[in-house]
Amino acid sequence: MKYSDEQRINKIYDYATRLQQYIVDKEITKEMLLTDYSLQWLVTTPLYNIGEHAYNLSQKYKAEHSEVPWAMISGLRHRLVHDYDGTNWNIIVEVVFEEIPALIAQIEQFYVKK
């Protein structure tokens, strides 16, 4: 299915906010994510989806919102998918606890969900 940039941003925002809310609701800590294999599996799916939609945004859209590190977001997805066994979970913990909230805030600055 071909999505518009607006639809992709909406999906990125939804996946990010749902992931963040799940982390908060379940009181998941950084230490838990570093050691619990089931939690690691749980967070990778939204990260895959966020990265896939970021990768497929138009070049024009990415340039208009260059403050967002689109290449890093899509690169993380590629790394998780193609080198899962080599995943550095310290980086993923940083992404989940630091970068996802920052991404949500960035999107909220330029995009109002419709």
PDB file of N, CA and C in Angstrom:
ATOM      1  N   MET A   1       0.840  -1.179   0.000  1.00  0.00           N
ATOM      2  CA  MET A   1       0.000   0.000   0.000  1.00  0.00           C
ATOM      3  C   MET A   1       0.882   1.238   0.000  1.00  0.00           C
ATOM      4  N   LYS A   2       0.505   2.193  -0.797  1.00  0.00           N
ATOM      5  CA  LYS A   2       1.224   3.453  -0.888  1.00  0.00           C
ATOM      6  C   LYS A   2       0.589   4.448   0.084  1.00  0.00           C
ATOM      7  N   TYR A   3       1.394   4.935   1.003  1.00  0.00           N
ATOM      8  CA  TYR A   3       0.909   5.903   1.982  1.00  0.00           C
ATOM      9  C   TYR A   3       1.410   7.297   1.615  1.00  0.00           C
ATOM     10  N   SER A   4       0.635   8.289   1.966  1.00  0.00           N
ATOM     11  CA  SER A   4       1.085   9.673   1.821  1.00  0.00           C
ATOM     12  C   SER A   4       2.049   9.986   2.974  1.00  0.00           C
ATOM     13  N   ASP A   5       2.784  11.076   2.825  1.00  0.00           N
ATOM     14  CA  ASP A   5       3.666  11.497   3.916  1.00  0.00           C
ATOM     15  C   ASP A   5       2.868  11.751   5.185  1.00  0.00           C
ATOM     16  N   GLU A   6       1.707  12.357   5.040  1.00  0.00           N
ATOM     17  CA  GLU A   6       0.866  12.633   6.211  1.00  0.00           C
ATOM     18  C   GLU A   6       0.462  11.334   6.903  1.00  0.00           C
ATOM     19  N   GLN A   7       0.073  10.330   6.122  1.00  0.00           N
ATOM     20  CA  GLN A   7      -0.298   9.045   6.708  1.00  0.00           C
ATOM     21  C   GLN A   7       0.914   8.403   7.400  1.00  0.00           C
ATOM     22  N   ARG A   8       2.076   8.502   6.783  1.00  0.00           N
ATOM     23  CA  ARG A   8       3.285   7.916   7.382  1.00  0.00           C
ATOM     24  C   ARG A   8       3.641   8.607   8.696  1.00  0.00           C
ATOM     25  N   ILE A   9       3.553   9.920   8.730  1.00  0.00           N
ATOM     26  CA  ILE A   9       3.845  10.651   9.972  1.00  0.00           C
ATOM     27  C   ILE A   9       2.833  10.279  11.042  1.00  0.00           C
ATOM     28  N   ASN A  10       1.590  10.139  10.658  1.00  0.00           N
ATOM     29  CA  ASN A  10       0.559   9.726  11.604  1.00  0.00           C
ATOM     30  C   ASN A  10       0.897   8.354  12.179  1.00  0.00           C
ATOM     31  N   LYS A  11       1.333   7.432  11.332  1.00  0.00           N
ATOM     32  CA  LYS A  11       1.686   6.093  11.792  1.00  0.00           C
ATOM     33  C   LYS A  11       2.927   6.136  12.688  1.00  0.00           C
ATOM     34  N   ILE A  12       3.932   6.894  12.301  1.00  0.00           N
ATOM     35  CA  ILE A  12       5.139   7.033  13.125  1.00  0.00           C
ATOM     36  C   ILE A  12       4.756   7.558  14.502  1.00  0.00           C
ATOM     37  N   TYR A  13       3.942   8.592  14.509  1.00  0.00           N
ATOM     38  CA  TYR A  13       3.517   9.197  15.768  1.00  0.00           C
ATOM     39  C   TYR A  13       2.735   8.195  16.615  1.00  0.00           C
ATOM     40  N   ASP A  14       1.826   7.472  15.999  1.00  0.00           N
ATOM     41  CA  ASP A  14       1.033   6.482  16.738  1.00  0.00           C
ATOM     42  C   ASP A  14       1.912   5.378  17.319  1.00  0.00           C
ATOM     43  N   TYR A  15       2.814   4.824  16.523  1.00  0.00           N
ATOM     44  CA  TYR A  15       3.700   3.772  17.037  1.00  0.00           C
ATOM     45  C   TYR A  15       4.573   4.297  18.175  1.00  0.00           C
ATOM     46  N   ALA A  16       5.094   5.491  18.009  1.00  0.00           N
ATOM     47  CA  ALA A  16       5.979   6.062  19.030  1.00  0.00           C
ATOM     48  C   ALA A  16       5.225   6.330  20.333  1.00  0.00           C
ATOM     49  N   THR A  17       4.045   6.932  20.219  1.00  0.00           N
ATOM     50  CA  THR A  17       3.303   7.239  21.444  1.00  0.00           C
ATOM     51  C   THR A  17       2.787   5.974  22.125  1.00  0.00           C
ATOM     52  N   ARG A  18       2.383   4.994  21.349  1.00  0.00           N
ATOM     53  CA  ARG A  18       1.931   3.737  21.954  1.00  0.00           C
ATOM     54  C   ARG A  18       3.082   3.026  22.652  1.00  0.00           C
ATOM     55  N   LEU A  19       4.255   3.017  22.030  1.00  0.00           N
ATOM     56  CA  LEU A  19       5.420   2.400  22.665  1.00  0.00           C
ATOM     57  C   LEU A  19       5.757   3.129  23.961  1.00  0.00           C
ATOM     58  N   GLN A  20       5.798   4.429  23.899  1.00  0.00           N
ATOM     59  CA  GLN A  20       6.121   5.207  25.095  1.00  0.00           C
ATOM     60  C   GLN A  20       5.083   4.970  26.195  1.00  0.00           C
ATOM     61  N   GLN A  21       3.821   4.940  25.840  1.00  0.00           N
ATOM     62  CA  GLN A  21       2.779   4.726  26.838  1.00  0.00           C
ATOM     63  C   GLN A  21       2.878   3.334  27.457  1.00  0.00           C
ATOM     64  N   TYR A  22       3.205   2.341  26.649  1.00  0.00           N
ATOM     65  CA  TYR A  22       3.360   0.986  27.165  1.00  0.00           C
ATOM     66  C   TYR A  22       4.508   0.932  28.176  1.00  0.00           C
ATOM     67  N   ILE A  23       5.606   1.571  27.850  1.00  0.00           N
ATOM     68  CA  ILE A  23       6.766   1.605  28.754  1.00  0.00           C
ATOM     69  C   ILE A  23       6.358   2.227  30.091  1.00  0.00           C
ATOM     70  N   VAL A  24       5.618   3.311  30.032  1.00  0.00           N
ATOM     71  CA  VAL A  24       5.177   4.003  31.252  1.00  0.00           C
ATOM     72  C   VAL A  24       4.161   3.155  32.018  1.00  0.00           C
ATOM     73  N   ASP A  25       3.148   2.666  31.313  1.00  0.00           N
ATOM     74  CA  ASP A  25       2.076   1.908  31.978  1.00  0.00           C
ATOM     75  C   ASP A  25       2.584   0.647  32.662  1.00  0.00           C
ATOM     76  N   LYS A  26       3.527  -0.029  32.048  1.00  0.00           N
ATOM     77  CA  LYS A  26       4.063  -1.284  32.595  1.00  0.00           C
ATOM     78  C   LYS A  26       5.272  -1.062  33.498  1.00  0.00           C
ATOM     79  N   GLU A  27       5.624   0.222  33.680  1.00  0.00           N
ATOM     80  CA  GLU A  27       6.740   0.604  34.546  1.00  0.00           C
ATOM     81  C   GLU A  27       8.024  -0.135  34.159  1.00  0.00           C
ATOM     82  N   ILE A  28       8.271  -0.174  32.866  1.00  0.00           N
ATOM     83  CA  ILE A  28       9.468  -0.835  32.348  1.00  0.00           C
ATOM     84  C   ILE A  28      10.659   0.091  32.559  1.00  0.00           C
ATOM     85  N   THR A  29      11.713  -0.471  33.089  1.00  0.00           N
ATOM     86  CA  THR A  29      12.939   0.290  33.343  1.00  0.00           C
ATOM     87  C   THR A  29      13.982  -0.036  32.285  1.00  0.00           C
ATOM     88  N   LYS A  30      15.012   0.776  32.252  1.00  0.00           N
ATOM     89  CA  LYS A  30      16.126   0.512  31.339  1.00  0.00           C
ATOM     90  C   LYS A  30      16.734  -0.852  31.624  1.00  0.00           C
ATOM     91  N   GLU A  31      16.900  -1.170  32.889  1.00  0.00           N
ATOM     92  CA  GLU A  31      17.500  -2.443  33.288  1.00  0.00           C
ATOM     93  C   GLU A  31      16.645  -3.622  32.826  1.00  0.00           C
ATOM     94  N   MET A  32      15.335  -3.472  32.935  1.00  0.00           N
ATOM     95  CA  MET A  32      14.434  -4.538  32.484  1.00  0.00           C
ATOM     96  C   MET A  32      14.589  -4.757  30.979  1.00  0.00           C
ATOM     97  N   LEU A  33      14.660  -3.681  30.228  1.00  0.00           N
ATOM     98  CA  LEU A  33      14.784  -3.808  28.781  1.00  0.00           C
ATOM     99  C   LEU A  33      16.131  -4.410  28.381  1.00  0.00           C
ATOM    100  N   LEU A  34      17.155  -4.140  29.146  1.00  0.00           N
ATOM    101  CA  LEU A  34      18.469  -4.718  28.853  1.00  0.00           C
ATOM    102  C   LEU A  34      18.513  -6.221  29.077  1.00  0.00           C
ATOM    103  N   THR A  35      17.670  -6.731  29.949  1.00  0.00           N
ATOM    104  CA  THR A  35      17.804  -8.138  30.355  1.00  0.00           C
ATOM    105  C   THR A  35      16.627  -9.039  29.996  1.00  0.00           C
ATOM    106  N   ASP A  36      15.488  -8.475  29.680  1.00  0.00           N
ATOM    107  CA  ASP A  36      14.290  -9.282  29.438  1.00  0.00           C
ATOM    108  C   ASP A  36      14.072  -9.469  27.937  1.00  0.00           C
ATOM    109  N   TYR A  37      14.289 -10.673  27.489  1.00  0.00           N
ATOM    110  CA  TYR A  37      14.198 -11.003  26.063  1.00  0.00           C
ATOM    111  C   TYR A  37      12.809 -10.716  25.503  1.00  0.00           C
ATOM    112  N   SER A  38      11.763 -11.001  26.271  1.00  0.00           N
ATOM    113  CA  SER A  38      10.404 -10.759  25.764  1.00  0.00           C
ATOM    114  C   SER A  38      10.149  -9.264  25.582  1.00  0.00           C
ATOM    115  N   LEU A  39      10.676  -8.432  26.455  1.00  0.00           N
ATOM    116  CA  LEU A  39      10.540  -6.986  26.286  1.00  0.00           C
ATOM    117  C   LEU A  39      11.332  -6.504  25.074  1.00  0.00           C
ATOM    118  N   GLN A  40      12.478  -7.117  24.851  1.00  0.00           N
ATOM    119  CA  GLN A  40      13.272  -6.752  23.684  1.00  0.00           C
ATOM    120  C   GLN A  40      12.491  -7.042  22.399  1.00  0.00           C
ATOM    121  N   TRP A  41      11.856  -8.189  22.353  1.00  0.00           N
ATOM    122  CA  TRP A  41      11.021  -8.516  21.197  1.00  0.00           C
ATOM    123  C   TRP A  41       9.878  -7.519  21.075  1.00  0.00           C
ATOM    124  N   LEU A  42       9.300  -7.155  22.189  1.00  0.00           N
ATOM    125  CA  LEU A  42       8.163  -6.243  22.188  1.00  0.00           C
ATOM    126  C   LEU A  42       8.518  -4.873  21.606  1.00  0.00           C
ATOM    127  N   VAL A  43       9.655  -4.319  21.955  1.00  0.00           N
ATOM    128  CA  VAL A  43       9.983  -2.971  21.487  1.00  0.00           C
ATOM    129  C   VAL A  43      10.470  -2.953  20.047  1.00  0.00           C
ATOM    130  N   THR A  44      10.941  -4.075  19.538  1.00  0.00           N
ATOM    131  CA  THR A  44      11.473  -4.044  18.173  1.00  0.00           C
ATOM    132  C   THR A  44      10.384  -3.844  17.121  1.00  0.00           C
ATOM    133  N   THR A  45       9.207  -4.382  17.331  1.00  0.00           N
ATOM    134  CA  THR A  45       8.163  -4.235  16.314  1.00  0.00           C
ATOM    135  C   THR A  45       7.806  -2.768  16.067  1.00  0.00           C
ATOM    136  N   PRO A  46       7.517  -1.974  17.098  1.00  0.00           N
ATOM    137  CA  PRO A  46       7.242  -0.562  16.807  1.00  0.00           C
ATOM    138  C   PRO A  46       8.451   0.152  16.197  1.00  0.00           C
ATOM    139  N   LEU A  47       9.655  -0.221  16.628  1.00  0.00           N
ATOM    140  CA  LEU A  47      10.849   0.409  16.053  1.00  0.00           C
ATOM    141  C   LEU A  47      11.008   0.058  14.575  1.00  0.00           C
ATOM    142  N   TYR A  48      10.724  -1.189  14.211  1.00  0.00           N
ATOM    143  CA  TYR A  48      10.730  -1.586  12.797  1.00  0.00           C
ATOM    144  C   TYR A  48       9.771  -0.702  12.011  1.00  0.00           C
ATOM    145  N   ASN A  49       8.543  -0.599  12.524  1.00  0.00           N
ATOM    146  CA  ASN A  49       7.499   0.119  11.804  1.00  0.00           C
ATOM    147  C   ASN A  49       7.803   1.613  11.698  1.00  0.00           C
ATOM    148  N   ILE A  50       8.295   2.196  12.752  1.00  0.00           N
ATOM    149  CA  ILE A  50       8.686   3.606  12.716  1.00  0.00           C
ATOM    150  C   ILE A  50       9.773   3.795  11.657  1.00  0.00           C
ATOM    151  N   GLY A  51      10.772   2.941  11.684  1.00  0.00           N
ATOM    152  CA  GLY A  51      11.872   3.050  10.725  1.00  0.00           C
ATOM    153  C   GLY A  51      11.440   2.846   9.289  1.00  0.00           C
ATOM    154  N   GLU A  52      10.548   1.905   9.061  1.00  0.00           N
ATOM    155  CA  GLU A  52      10.059   1.642   7.701  1.00  0.00           C
ATOM    156  C   GLU A  52       9.290   2.839   7.157  1.00  0.00           C
ATOM    157  N   HIS A  53       8.431   3.425   7.972  1.00  0.00           N
ATOM    158  CA  HIS A  53       7.688   4.598   7.516  1.00  0.00           C
ATOM    159  C   HIS A  53       8.605   5.804   7.333  1.00  0.00           C
ATOM    160  N   ALA A  54       9.590   5.969   8.195  1.00  0.00           N
ATOM    161  CA  ALA A  54      10.552   7.069   8.039  1.00  0.00           C
ATOM    162  C   ALA A  54      11.334   6.906   6.737  1.00  0.00           C
ATOM    163  N   TYR A  55      11.749   5.693   6.439  1.00  0.00           N
ATOM    164  CA  TYR A  55      12.509   5.411   5.219  1.00  0.00           C
ATOM    165  C   TYR A  55      11.704   5.770   3.971  1.00  0.00           C
ATOM    166  N   ASN A  56      10.417   5.545   4.012  1.00  0.00           N
ATOM    167  CA  ASN A  56       9.576   5.743   2.838  1.00  0.00           C
ATOM    168  C   ASN A  56       8.931   7.123   2.735  1.00  0.00           C
ATOM    169  N   LEU A  57       9.265   8.018   3.653  1.00  0.00           N
ATOM    170  CA  LEU A  57       8.818   9.401   3.484  1.00  0.00           C
ATOM    171  C   LEU A  57       9.478   9.984   2.234  1.00  0.00           C
ATOM    172  N   SER A  58       8.813  10.911   1.602  1.00  0.00           N
ATOM    173  CA  SER A  58       9.401  11.534   0.415  1.00  0.00           C
ATOM    174  C   SER A  58      10.646  12.338   0.801  1.00  0.00           C
ATOM    175  N   GLN A  59      11.552  12.458  -0.157  1.00  0.00           N
ATOM    176  CA  GLN A  59      12.763  13.255   0.084  1.00  0.00           C
ATOM    177  C   GLN A  59      12.401  14.712   0.382  1.00  0.00           C
ATOM    178  N   LYS A  60      11.370  15.199  -0.280  1.00  0.00           N
ATOM    179  CA  LYS A  60      10.919  16.570  -0.041  1.00  0.00           C
ATOM    180  C   LYS A  60      10.480  16.746   1.414  1.00  0.00           C
ATOM    181  N   TYR A  61       9.697  15.817   1.907  1.00  0.00           N
ATOM    182  CA  TYR A  61       9.213  15.902   3.285  1.00  0.00           C
ATOM    183  C   TYR A  61      10.377  15.841   4.273  1.00  0.00           C
ATOM    184  N   LYS A  62      11.299  14.922   4.025  1.00  0.00           N
ATOM    185  CA  LYS A  62      12.460  14.804   4.914  1.00  0.00           C
ATOM    186  C   LYS A  62      13.277  16.092   4.928  1.00  0.00           C
ATOM    187  N   ALA A  63      13.422  16.718   3.756  1.00  0.00           N
ATOM    188  CA  ALA A  63      14.179  17.972   3.676  1.00  0.00           C
ATOM    189  C   ALA A  63      13.448  19.105   4.392  1.00  0.00           C
ATOM    190  N   GLU A  64      12.127  19.123   4.291  1.00  0.00           N
ATOM    191  CA  GLU A  64      11.337  20.156   4.963  1.00  0.00           C
ATOM    192  C   GLU A  64      11.396  20.020   6.482  1.00  0.00           C
ATOM    193  N   HIS A  65      11.670  18.818   6.961  1.00  0.00           N
ATOM    194  CA  HIS A  65      11.730  18.549   8.405  1.00  0.00           C
ATOM    195  C   HIS A  65      13.073  17.903   8.740  1.00  0.00           C
ATOM    196  N   SER A  66      14.116  18.584   8.323  1.00  0.00           N
ATOM    197  CA  SER A  66      15.464  18.031   8.461  1.00  0.00           C
ATOM    198  C   SER A  66      15.955  17.997   9.908  1.00  0.00           C
ATOM    199  N   GLU A  67      15.216  18.623  10.816  1.00  0.00           N
ATOM    200  CA  GLU A  67      15.594  18.568  12.233  1.00  0.00           C
ATOM    201  C   GLU A  67      15.406  17.168  12.814  1.00  0.00           C
ATOM    202  N   VAL A  68      14.631  16.349  12.134  1.00  0.00           N
ATOM    203  CA  VAL A  68      14.404  14.971  12.568  1.00  0.00           C
ATOM    204  C   VAL A  68      15.448  14.083  11.887  1.00  0.00           C
ATOM    205  N   PRO A  69      16.129  13.227  12.628  1.00  0.00           N
ATOM    206  CA  PRO A  69      17.181  12.379  12.042  1.00  0.00           C
ATOM    207  C   PRO A  69      16.605  11.168  11.293  1.00  0.00           C
ATOM    208  N   TRP A  70      15.950  11.440  10.151  1.00  0.00           N
ATOM    209  CA  TRP A  70      15.263  10.382   9.401  1.00  0.00           C
ATOM    210  C   TRP A  70      16.186   9.235   9.028  1.00  0.00           C
ATOM    211  N   ALA A  71      17.400   9.550   8.588  1.00  0.00           N
ATOM    212  CA  ALA A  71      18.333   8.496   8.163  1.00  0.00           C
ATOM    213  C   ALA A  71      18.715   7.597   9.338  1.00  0.00           C
ATOM    214  N   MET A  72      18.888   8.172  10.503  1.00  0.00           N
ATOM    215  CA  MET A  72      19.217   7.360  11.681  1.00  0.00           C
ATOM    216  C   MET A  72      18.031   6.481  12.079  1.00  0.00           C
ATOM    217  N   ILE A  73      16.830   7.013  11.965  1.00  0.00           N
ATOM    218  CA  ILE A  73      15.632   6.254  12.328  1.00  0.00           C
ATOM    219  C   ILE A  73      15.467   5.064  11.395  1.00  0.00           C
ATOM    220  N   SER A  74      15.576   5.310  10.106  1.00  0.00           N
ATOM    221  CA  SER A  74      15.432   4.196   9.160  1.00  0.00           C
ATOM    222  C   SER A  74      16.636   3.262   9.230  1.00  0.00           C
ATOM    223  N   GLY A  75      17.805   3.796   9.515  1.00  0.00           N
ATOM    224  CA  GLY A  75      18.998   2.959   9.664  1.00  0.00           C
ATOM    225  C   GLY A  75      18.881   1.999  10.834  1.00  0.00           C
ATOM    226  N   LEU A  76      18.269   2.452  11.915  1.00  0.00           N
ATOM    227  CA  LEU A  76      18.051   1.573  13.064  1.00  0.00           C
ATOM    228  C   LEU A  76      17.157   0.410  12.671  1.00  0.00           C
ATOM    229  N   ARG A  77      16.121   0.695  11.916  1.00  0.00           N
ATOM    230  CA  ARG A  77      15.227  -0.366  11.455  1.00  0.00           C
ATOM    231  C   ARG A  77      15.986  -1.401  10.638  1.00  0.00           C
ATOM    232  N   HIS A  78      16.802  -0.923   9.706  1.00  0.00           N
ATOM    233  CA  HIS A  78      17.568  -1.847   8.863  1.00  0.00           C
ATOM    234  C   HIS A  78      18.526  -2.688   9.701  1.00  0.00           C
ATOM    235  N   ARG A  79      19.125  -2.062  10.672  1.00  0.00           N
ATOM    236  CA  ARG A  79      20.067  -2.769  11.542  1.00  0.00           C
ATOM    237  C   ARG A  79      19.353  -3.844  12.367  1.00  0.00           C
ATOM    238  N   LEU A  80      18.206  -3.495  12.925  1.00  0.00           N
ATOM    239  CA  LEU A  80      17.443  -4.468  13.714  1.00  0.00           C
ATOM    240  C   LEU A  80      16.989  -5.648  12.865  1.00  0.00           C
ATOM    241  N   VAL A  81      16.529  -5.367  11.667  1.00  0.00           N
ATOM    242  CA  VAL A  81      15.997  -6.415  10.807  1.00  0.00           C
ATOM    243  C   VAL A  81      17.104  -7.316  10.273  1.00  0.00           C
ATOM    244  N   HIS A  82      18.212  -6.727   9.863  1.00  0.00           N
ATOM    245  CA  HIS A  82      19.242  -7.492   9.166  1.00  0.00           C
ATOM    246  C   HIS A  82      20.380  -7.969  10.052  1.00  0.00           C
ATOM    247  N   ASP A  83      20.464  -7.451  11.266  1.00  0.00           N
ATOM    248  CA  ASP A  83      21.543  -7.879  12.166  1.00  0.00           C
ATOM    249  C   ASP A  83      21.019  -7.985  13.591  1.00  0.00           C
ATOM    250  N   TYR A  84      19.862  -8.637  13.741  1.00  0.00           N
ATOM    251  CA  TYR A  84      19.212  -8.692  15.051  1.00  0.00           C
ATOM    252  C   TYR A  84      20.137  -9.269  16.119  1.00  0.00           C
ATOM    253  N   ASP A  85      20.865 -10.337  15.776  1.00  0.00           N
ATOM    254  CA  ASP A  85      21.740 -10.963  16.767  1.00  0.00           C
ATOM    255  C   ASP A  85      22.882 -10.039  17.193  1.00  0.00           C
ATOM    256  N   GLY A  86      23.175  -9.046  16.381  1.00  0.00           N
ATOM    257  CA  GLY A  86      24.235  -8.106  16.715  1.00  0.00           C
ATOM    258  C   GLY A  86      23.732  -6.835  17.373  1.00  0.00           C
ATOM    259  N   THR A  87      22.481  -6.832  17.796  1.00  0.00           N
ATOM    260  CA  THR A  87      21.878  -5.634  18.381  1.00  0.00           C
ATOM    261  C   THR A  87      22.570  -5.247  19.675  1.00  0.00           C
ATOM    262  N   ASN A  88      22.937  -3.993  19.758  1.00  0.00           N
ATOM    263  CA  ASN A  88      23.491  -3.436  20.991  1.00  0.00           C
ATOM    264  C   ASN A  88      22.304  -2.881  21.784  1.00  0.00           C
ATOM    265  N   TRP A  89      21.911  -3.607  22.802  1.00  0.00           N
ATOM    266  CA  TRP A  89      20.708  -3.223  23.548  1.00  0.00           C
ATOM    267  C   TRP A  89      20.887  -1.958  24.363  1.00  0.00           C
ATOM    268  N   ASN A  90      22.117  -1.567  24.631  1.00  0.00           N
ATOM    269  CA  ASN A  90      22.344  -0.277  25.287  1.00  0.00           C
ATOM    270  C   ASN A  90      21.876   0.861  24.384  1.00  0.00           C
ATOM    271  N   ILE A  91      22.097   0.708  23.084  1.00  0.00           N
ATOM    272  CA  ILE A  91      21.641   1.724  22.129  1.00  0.00           C
ATOM    273  C   ILE A  91      20.126   1.722  22.045  1.00  0.00           C
ATOM    274  N   ILE A  92      19.525   0.547  22.004  1.00  0.00           N
ATOM    275  CA  ILE A  92      18.064   0.454  21.916  1.00  0.00           C
ATOM    276  C   ILE A  92      17.416   1.058  23.157  1.00  0.00           C
ATOM    277  N   VAL A  93      17.997   0.813  24.311  1.00  0.00           N
ATOM    278  CA  VAL A  93      17.479   1.414  25.552  1.00  0.00           C
ATOM    279  C   VAL A  93      17.520   2.935  25.443  1.00  0.00           C
ATOM    280  N   GLU A  94      18.614   3.466  24.938  1.00  0.00           N
ATOM    281  CA  GLU A  94      18.708   4.916  24.764  1.00  0.00           C
ATOM    282  C   GLU A  94      17.640   5.414  23.784  1.00  0.00           C
ATOM    283  N   VAL A  95      17.452   4.672  22.702  1.00  0.00           N
ATOM    284  CA  VAL A  95      16.427   5.058  21.723  1.00  0.00           C
ATOM    285  C   VAL A  95      15.048   5.069  22.376  1.00  0.00           C
ATOM    286  N   VAL A  96      14.707   4.000  23.081  1.00  0.00           N
ATOM    287  CA  VAL A  96      13.368   3.881  23.669  1.00  0.00           C
ATOM    288  C   VAL A  96      13.128   4.939  24.746  1.00  0.00           C
ATOM    289  N   PHE A  97      14.115   5.172  25.589  1.00  0.00           N
ATOM    290  CA  PHE A  97      13.908   6.067  26.728  1.00  0.00           C
ATOM    291  C   PHE A  97      14.262   7.531  26.452  1.00  0.00           C
ATOM    292  N   GLU A  98      15.086   7.786  25.441  1.00  0.00           N
ATOM    293  CA  GLU A  98      15.505   9.167  25.168  1.00  0.00           C
ATOM    294  C   GLU A  98      15.038   9.658  23.803  1.00  0.00           C
ATOM    295  N   GLU A  99      15.262   8.868  22.782  1.00  0.00           N
ATOM    296  CA  GLU A  99      15.008   9.327  21.421  1.00  0.00           C
ATOM    297  C   GLU A  99      13.532   9.280  21.036  1.00  0.00           C
ATOM    298  N   ILE A 100      12.803   8.270  21.474  1.00  0.00           N
ATOM    299  CA  ILE A 100      11.375   8.199  21.142  1.00  0.00           C
ATOM    300  C   ILE A 100      10.620   9.395  21.731  1.00  0.00           C
ATOM    301  N   PRO A 101      10.814   9.735  23.015  1.00  0.00           N
ATOM    302  CA  PRO A 101      10.138  10.946  23.522  1.00  0.00           C
ATOM    303  C   PRO A 101      10.541  12.205  22.753  1.00  0.00           C
ATOM    304  N   ALA A 102      11.811  12.289  22.351  1.00  0.00           N
ATOM    305  CA  ALA A 102      12.263  13.451  21.575  1.00  0.00           C
ATOM    306  C   ALA A 102      11.597  13.467  20.199  1.00  0.00           C
ATOM    307  N   LEU A 103      11.475  12.306  19.566  1.00  0.00           N
ATOM    308  CA  LEU A 103      10.814  12.217  18.265  1.00  0.00           C
ATOM    309  C   LEU A 103       9.353  12.651  18.372  1.00  0.00           C
ATOM    310  N   ILE A 104       8.682  12.199  19.401  1.00  0.00           N
ATOM    311  CA  ILE A 104       7.278  12.588  19.618  1.00  0.00           C
ATOM    312  C   ILE A 104       7.176  14.108  19.730  1.00  0.00           C
ATOM    313  N   ALA A 105       8.048  14.696  20.510  1.00  0.00           N
ATOM    314  CA  ALA A 105       8.031  16.155  20.690  1.00  0.00           C
ATOM    315  C   ALA A 105       8.314  16.878  19.378  1.00  0.00           C
ATOM    316  N   GLN A 106       9.255  16.365  18.587  1.00  0.00           N
ATOM    317  CA  GLN A 106       9.557  16.992  17.300  1.00  0.00           C
ATOM    318  C   GLN A 106       8.343  16.936  16.376  1.00  0.00           C
ATOM    319  N   ILE A 107       7.730  15.783  16.292  1.00  0.00           N
ATOM    320  CA  ILE A 107       6.562  15.643  15.419  1.00  0.00           C
ATOM    321  C   ILE A 107       5.445  16.565  15.880  1.00  0.00           C
ATOM    322  N   GLU A 108       5.253  16.679  17.172  1.00  0.00           N
ATOM    323  CA  GLU A 108       4.193  17.540  17.692  1.00  0.00           C
ATOM    324  C   GLU A 108       4.449  19.015  17.354  1.00  0.00           C
ATOM    325  N   GLN A 109       5.706  19.380  17.152  1.00  0.00           N
ATOM    326  CA  GLN A 109       6.019  20.769  16.802  1.00  0.00           C
ATOM    327  C   GLN A 109       5.599  21.124  15.374  1.00  0.00           C
ATOM    328  N   PHE A 110       5.660  20.158  14.451  1.00  0.00           N
ATOM    329  CA  PHE A 110       5.341  20.495  13.076  1.00  0.00           C
ATOM    330  C   PHE A 110       4.116  19.776  12.526  1.00  0.00           C
ATOM    331  N   TYR A 111       3.550  18.913  13.294  1.00  0.00           N
ATOM    332  CA  TYR A 111       2.433  18.133  12.776  1.00  0.00           C
ATOM    333  C   TYR A 111       1.360  18.003  13.835  1.00  0.00           C
ATOM    334  N   VAL A 112       0.184  18.408  13.498  1.00  0.00           N
ATOM    335  CA  VAL A 112      -0.945  18.234  14.393  1.00  0.00           C
ATOM    336  C   VAL A 112      -1.750  17.066  13.840  1.00  0.00           C
ATOM    337  N   LYS A 113      -1.863  16.013  14.621  1.00  0.00           N
ATOM    338  CA  LYS A 113      -2.570  14.800  14.192  1.00  0.00           C
ATOM    339  C   LYS A 113      -4.017  15.124  13.852  1.00  0.00           C
ATOM    340  N   LYS A 114      -4.420  14.617  12.708  1.00  0.00           N
ATOM    341  CA  LYS A 114      -5.796  14.881  12.257  1.00  0.00           C
ATOM    342  C   LYS A 114      -6.647  13.662  12.420  1.00  0.00           C
TER     343      LYS A 114
END
